C-alpha atoms as a PDB file:
ATOM      1  CA  MET A   1    -109.454 -59.737  28.409  1.00  0.00           C
ATOM      2  CA  PHE A   2    -112.337 -59.080  30.767  1.00  0.00           C
ATOM      3  CA  GLY A   3    -111.102 -55.545  31.443  1.00  0.00           C
ATOM      4  CA  THR A   4    -111.213 -54.831  27.716  1.00  0.00           C
ATOM      5  CA  ALA A   5    -114.693 -56.329  27.463  1.00  0.00           C
ATOM      6  CA  ASP A   6    -115.841 -54.238  30.430  1.00  0.00           C
ATOM      7  CA  PHE A   7    -114.593 -51.091  28.712  1.00  0.00           C
ATOM      8  CA  MET A   8    -116.187 -52.037  25.404  1.00  0.00           C
ATOM      9  CA  ALA A   9    -119.526 -52.743  27.062  1.00  0.00           C
ATOM     10  CA  SER A  10    -119.439 -49.483  29.003  1.00  0.00           C
ATOM     11  CA  TYR A  11    -118.501 -47.425  25.937  1.00  0.00           C
ATOM     12  CA  ALA A  12    -121.708 -48.177  24.065  1.00  0.00           C
ATOM     13  CA  HIS A  13    -124.700 -46.188  25.246  1.00  0.00           C
ATOM     14  CA  TYR A  14    -128.390 -46.947  25.056  1.00  0.00           C
ATOM     15  CA  ASP A  15    -130.526 -44.950  22.634  1.00  0.00           C
ATOM     16  CA  SER A  16    -133.987 -45.221  24.172  1.00  0.00           C
ATOM     17  CA  ALA A  17    -135.631 -43.604  21.135  1.00  0.00           C
ATOM     18  CA  LYS A  18    -134.393 -46.430  18.909  1.00  0.00           C
ATOM     19  CA  GLY A  19    -134.279 -49.159  21.568  1.00  0.00           C
ATOM     20  CA  ARG A  20    -130.659 -50.139  20.931  1.00  0.00           C
ATOM     21  CA  TYR A  21    -127.079 -49.518  21.984  1.00  0.00           C
ATOM     22  CA  ILE A  22    -124.887 -47.324  19.789  1.00  0.00           C
ATOM     23  CA  LEU A  23    -121.189 -46.533  19.473  1.00  0.00           C
ATOM     24  CA  GLY A  24    -120.158 -42.897  19.263  1.00  0.00           C
ATOM     25  CA  LYS A  25    -119.989 -39.949  19.025  1.00  0.00           C
ATOM     26  CA  GLY A  26    -116.313 -39.390  19.646  1.00  0.00           C
ATOM     27  CA  LEU A  27    -115.336 -42.688  18.100  1.00  0.00           C
ATOM     28  CA  ILE A  28    -112.465 -42.636  15.615  1.00  0.00           C
ATOM     29  CA  PRO A  29    -113.326 -45.318  13.044  1.00  0.00           C
ATOM     30  CA  ALA A  30    -110.743 -47.523  11.365  1.00  0.00           C
ATOM     31  CA  GLN A  31    -110.952 -45.442   8.189  1.00  0.00           C
ATOM     32  CA  GLU A  32    -109.753 -42.373  10.163  1.00  0.00           C
ATOM     33  CA  ARG A  33    -111.184 -40.006   7.574  1.00  0.00           C
ATOM     34  CA  TYR A  34    -114.438 -39.264   9.380  1.00  0.00           C
ATOM     35  CA  LYS A  35    -114.790 -36.657  12.108  1.00  0.00           C
ATOM     36  CA  PRO A  36    -115.071 -38.339  15.536  1.00  0.00           C
ATOM     37  CA  GLU A  37    -117.622 -35.778  16.706  1.00  0.00           C
ATOM     38  CA  ASP A  38    -119.957 -36.745  13.826  1.00  0.00           C
ATOM     39  CA  THR A  39    -119.316 -40.494  13.690  1.00  0.00           C
ATOM     40  CA  PHE A  40    -121.430 -43.191  15.286  1.00  0.00           C
ATOM     41  CA  ASN A  41    -122.005 -46.893  14.582  1.00  0.00           C
ATOM     42  CA  PRO A  42    -119.229 -47.397  11.995  1.00  0.00           C
ATOM     43  CA  THR A  43    -119.592 -50.818  10.372  1.00  0.00           C
ATOM     44  CA  TYR A  44    -116.173 -52.307  11.189  1.00  0.00           C
ATOM     45  CA  GLU A  45    -116.355 -51.231  14.828  1.00  0.00           C
ATOM     46  CA  LEU A  46    -119.889 -52.605  15.259  1.00  0.00           C
ATOM     47  CA  ALA A  47    -118.787 -55.969  13.888  1.00  0.00           C
ATOM     48  CA  TYR A  48    -115.696 -55.991  16.114  1.00  0.00           C
ATOM     49  CA  TRP A  49    -117.684 -54.995  19.229  1.00  0.00           C
ATOM     50  CA  GLN A  50    -120.119 -57.853  18.616  1.00  0.00           C
ATOM     51  CA  TRP A  51    -117.327 -60.369  18.028  1.00  0.00           C
ATOM     52  CA  ALA A  52    -115.287 -59.267  21.044  1.00  0.00           C
ATOM     53  CA  LEU A  53    -118.185 -59.244  23.511  1.00  0.00           C
ATOM     54  CA  THR A  54    -119.440 -62.609  22.243  1.00  0.00           C
ATOM     55  CA  THR A  55    -115.914 -64.012  22.662  1.00  0.00           C
ATOM     56  CA  ALA A  56    -115.730 -62.624  26.215  1.00  0.00           C
ATOM     57  CA  GLN A  57    -119.005 -64.384  27.054  1.00  0.00           C
ATOM     58  CA  GLN A  58    -117.635 -67.654  25.648  1.00  0.00           C
ATOM     59  CA  TRP A  59    -114.525 -67.301  27.809  1.00  0.00           C
ATOM     60  CA  ARG A  60    -116.707 -66.687  30.872  1.00  0.00           C
ATOM     61  CA  LYS A  61    -118.578 -69.908  30.137  1.00  0.00           C
ATOM     62  CA  ARG A  62    -115.332 -71.858  29.689  1.00  0.00           C
ATOM     63  CA  LEU A  63    -114.136 -70.572  33.059  1.00  0.00           C
ATOM     64  CA  LYS A  64    -117.483 -71.580  34.572  1.00  0.00           C
ATOM     65  CA  LEU A  65    -118.332 -67.956  35.363  1.00  0.00           C
ATOM     66  CA  PRO A  66    -121.896 -66.733  35.009  1.00  0.00           C
ATOM     67  CA  ALA A  67    -122.849 -64.963  31.786  1.00  0.00           C
ATOM     68  CA  ILE A  68    -123.564 -61.279  32.080  1.00  0.00           C
ATOM     69  CA  ARG A  69    -126.849 -60.135  30.547  1.00  0.00           C
ATOM     70  CA  ASN A  70    -129.396 -57.359  30.077  1.00  0.00           C
ATOM     71  CA  GLY A  71    -127.053 -54.463  29.465  1.00  0.00           C
ATOM     72  CA  THR A  72    -125.001 -55.230  32.571  1.00  0.00           C
ATOM     73  CA  MET A  73    -121.516 -55.254  31.143  1.00  0.00           C
ATOM     74  CA  TYR A  74    -121.548 -57.804  28.331  1.00  0.00           C
END
């Protein structure tokens, strides 16, 4: 689980012009009809990324591990 969360956190990259993390380019969205080289921040994937990384943080807390913050992993 934590390996998957580590990958997911490292996949997003910071857009300093907009002050946020983004997913893509190169991401193949669930709809599979959009070109990966032109696709970023697809809705389903953004929602899943948020859910998965939040869940990973909850698991860390349950295991009494420190939360990871400020762009360092999740």
